[in-house]
Amino acid sequence: MNVKVVKRAKGLLKVEIEGEGHTFGHLLQESLLEDKNVDWAGYDLPHPLFPQPIVTVRMKGEAIPEKALERASKKIRQDTEEFIEKFSSSIKNET
């Protein structure tokens, strides 16, 4: 996965995520929207044949969008690890 900054302004960040699609774009958007400092977050997949979602996040007040992306990424990782742990435990209990 390669991340490229498309636009950066005060309280706004737009990044392109190479090699991902709707699944990751939507997941990141939802995680960003859970952040109380995020005013608006969304993603766009400009061309269906080139999986490169562009994620945009706009912050409230003086909050920093890069920090919001870091928090969202960490939350996604934690949720994924928790799911894997619970899934593995469930599979072990059934055999």
C-alpha atoms as a PDB file:
ATOM      1  CA  MET A   1       0.000   0.000   0.000  1.00  0.00           C
ATOM      2  CA  ASN A   2       1.325   3.406  -0.968  1.00  0.00           C
ATOM      3  CA  VAL A   3      -0.158   6.644   0.402  1.00  0.00           C
ATOM      4  CA  LYS A   4       0.297   9.936  -1.426  1.00  0.00           C
ATOM      5  CA  VAL A   5      -0.807  13.357  -0.177  1.00  0.00           C
ATOM      6  CA  VAL A   6      -2.994  14.965  -2.838  1.00  0.00           C
ATOM      7  CA  LYS A   7      -3.909  18.140  -0.946  1.00  0.00           C
ATOM      8  CA  ARG A   8      -2.997  19.623   2.399  1.00  0.00           C
ATOM      9  CA  ALA A   9      -4.473  22.795   3.871  1.00  0.00           C
ATOM     10  CA  LYS A  10      -5.284  24.022   7.368  1.00  0.00           C
ATOM     11  CA  GLY A  11      -7.676  21.466   8.830  1.00  0.00           C
ATOM     12  CA  LEU A  12      -7.931  19.494   5.571  1.00  0.00           C
ATOM     13  CA  LEU A  13      -6.084  16.511   4.182  1.00  0.00           C
ATOM     14  CA  LYS A  14      -6.691  14.552   0.999  1.00  0.00           C
ATOM     15  CA  VAL A  15      -4.693  11.352   0.399  1.00  0.00           C
ATOM     16  CA  GLU A  16      -4.636   8.749  -2.353  1.00  0.00           C
ATOM     17  CA  ILE A  17      -4.251   5.135  -1.243  1.00  0.00           C
ATOM     18  CA  GLU A  18      -2.797   2.954  -3.949  1.00  0.00           C
ATOM     19  CA  GLY A  19      -3.885  -0.663  -4.229  1.00  0.00           C
ATOM     20  CA  GLU A  20      -7.049  -0.409  -2.143  1.00  0.00           C
ATOM     21  CA  GLY A  21     -10.694  -0.134  -3.090  1.00  0.00           C
ATOM     22  CA  HIS A  22     -14.150   0.538  -1.719  1.00  0.00           C
ATOM     23  CA  THR A  23     -13.709  -1.824   1.223  1.00  0.00           C
ATOM     24  CA  PHE A  24     -10.743  -0.034   2.749  1.00  0.00           C
ATOM     25  CA  GLY A  25     -11.962   3.418   1.698  1.00  0.00           C
ATOM     26  CA  HIS A  26     -15.297   2.898   3.419  1.00  0.00           C
ATOM     27  CA  LEU A  27     -13.673   1.373   6.508  1.00  0.00           C
ATOM     28  CA  LEU A  28     -11.311   4.333   6.872  1.00  0.00           C
ATOM     29  CA  GLN A  29     -14.147   6.801   6.308  1.00  0.00           C
ATOM     30  CA  GLU A  30     -16.288   5.184   9.008  1.00  0.00           C
ATOM     31  CA  SER A  31     -13.397   5.112  11.458  1.00  0.00           C
ATOM     32  CA  LEU A  32     -12.641   8.792  10.800  1.00  0.00           C
ATOM     33  CA  LEU A  33     -16.288   9.740  11.337  1.00  0.00           C
ATOM     34  CA  GLU A  34     -16.152   8.230  14.834  1.00  0.00           C
ATOM     35  CA  ASP A  35     -13.537  10.857  15.794  1.00  0.00           C
ATOM     36  CA  LYS A  36     -15.196  13.803  17.573  1.00  0.00           C
ATOM     37  CA  ASN A  37     -12.635  16.205  16.062  1.00  0.00           C
ATOM     38  CA  VAL A  38     -13.542  15.262  12.491  1.00  0.00           C
ATOM     39  CA  ASP A  39     -16.025  17.602  10.817  1.00  0.00           C
ATOM     40  CA  TRP A  40     -16.317  15.629   7.587  1.00  0.00           C
ATOM     41  CA  ALA A  41     -14.714  12.535   6.062  1.00  0.00           C
ATOM     42  CA  GLY A  42     -15.321  10.746   2.811  1.00  0.00           C
ATOM     43  CA  TYR A  43     -13.672   8.860   0.010  1.00  0.00           C
ATOM     44  CA  ASP A  44     -13.951   8.687  -3.739  1.00  0.00           C
ATOM     45  CA  LEU A  45     -12.865   5.999  -6.168  1.00  0.00           C
ATOM     46  CA  PRO A  46     -12.413   8.079  -9.334  1.00  0.00           C
ATOM     47  CA  HIS A  47     -12.024   5.149 -11.730  1.00  0.00           C
ATOM     48  CA  PRO A  48     -13.355   1.614 -11.205  1.00  0.00           C
ATOM     49  CA  LEU A  49     -10.417  -0.043 -12.973  1.00  0.00           C
ATOM     50  CA  PHE A  50      -7.747   1.676 -10.872  1.00  0.00           C
ATOM     51  CA  PRO A  51      -8.103   0.841  -7.176  1.00  0.00           C
ATOM     52  CA  GLN A  52      -6.889   4.112  -5.662  1.00  0.00           C
ATOM     53  CA  PRO A  53      -9.413   5.664  -3.297  1.00  0.00           C
ATOM     54  CA  ILE A  54      -8.936   9.298  -2.425  1.00  0.00           C
ATOM     55  CA  VAL A  55      -9.776   9.891   1.238  1.00  0.00           C
ATOM     56  CA  THR A  56     -10.598  13.415   2.399  1.00  0.00           C
ATOM     57  CA  VAL A  57     -10.837  14.524   6.008  1.00  0.00           C
ATOM     58  CA  ARG A  58     -11.796  17.977   7.276  1.00  0.00           C
ATOM     59  CA  MET A  59     -11.320  18.822  10.931  1.00  0.00           C
ATOM     60  CA  LYS A  60     -13.182  20.935  13.471  1.00  0.00           C
ATOM     61  CA  GLY A  61     -11.328  23.904  14.953  1.00  0.00           C
ATOM     62  CA  GLU A  62      -7.566  23.575  15.163  1.00  0.00           C
ATOM     63  CA  ALA A  63      -7.451  19.749  15.084  1.00  0.00           C
ATOM     64  CA  ILE A  64      -4.819  18.165  12.846  1.00  0.00           C
ATOM     65  CA  PRO A  65      -6.061  15.809  10.086  1.00  0.00           C
ATOM     66  CA  GLU A  66      -2.869  13.713  10.044  1.00  0.00           C
ATOM     67  CA  LYS A  67      -3.463  12.850  13.707  1.00  0.00           C
ATOM     68  CA  ALA A  68      -7.049  11.831  12.923  1.00  0.00           C
ATOM     69  CA  LEU A  69      -5.800   9.487  10.186  1.00  0.00           C
ATOM     70  CA  GLU A  70      -3.288   7.987  12.621  1.00  0.00           C
ATOM     71  CA  ARG A  71      -6.003   7.415  15.240  1.00  0.00           C
ATOM     72  CA  ALA A  72      -8.363   5.906  12.655  1.00  0.00           C
ATOM     73  CA  SER A  73      -5.626   3.587  11.369  1.00  0.00           C
ATOM     74  CA  LYS A  74      -4.775   2.423  14.895  1.00  0.00           C
ATOM     75  CA  LYS A  75      -8.457   1.786  15.635  1.00  0.00           C
ATOM     76  CA  ILE A  76      -8.829  -0.281  12.467  1.00  0.00           C
ATOM     77  CA  ARG A  77      -5.764  -2.307  13.440  1.00  0.00           C
ATOM     78  CA  GLN A  78      -7.049  -2.871  17.007  1.00  0.00           C
ATOM     79  CA  ASP A  79     -10.499  -3.880  15.765  1.00  0.00           C
ATOM     80  CA  THR A  80      -8.942  -6.281  13.254  1.00  0.00           C
ATOM     81  CA  GLU A  81      -6.674  -7.862  15.870  1.00  0.00           C
ATOM     82  CA  GLU A  82      -9.623  -8.235  18.250  1.00  0.00           C
ATOM     83  CA  PHE A  83     -11.690  -9.884  15.514  1.00  0.00           C
ATOM     84  CA  ILE A  84      -8.874 -12.302  14.631  1.00  0.00           C
ATOM     85  CA  GLU A  85      -8.414 -13.210  18.286  1.00  0.00           C
ATOM     86  CA  LYS A  86     -12.134 -13.833  18.862  1.00  0.00           C
ATOM     87  CA  PHE A  87     -12.518 -15.701  15.576  1.00  0.00           C
ATOM     88  CA  SER A  88      -9.527 -17.940  16.344  1.00  0.00           C
ATOM     89  CA  SER A  89     -10.875 -18.630  19.815  1.00  0.00           C
ATOM     90  CA  SER A  90     -14.293 -19.467  18.410  1.00  0.00           C
ATOM     91  CA  ILE A  91     -12.820 -21.893  15.875  1.00  0.00           C
ATOM     92  CA  LYS A  92     -10.736 -23.636  18.570  1.00  0.00           C
ATOM     93  CA  ASN A  93     -13.795 -24.021  20.813  1.00  0.00           C
ATOM     94  CA  GLU A  94     -15.773 -25.707  18.050  1.00  0.00           C
ATOM     95  CA  THR A  95     -13.247 -28.447  17.274  1.00  0.00           C
END
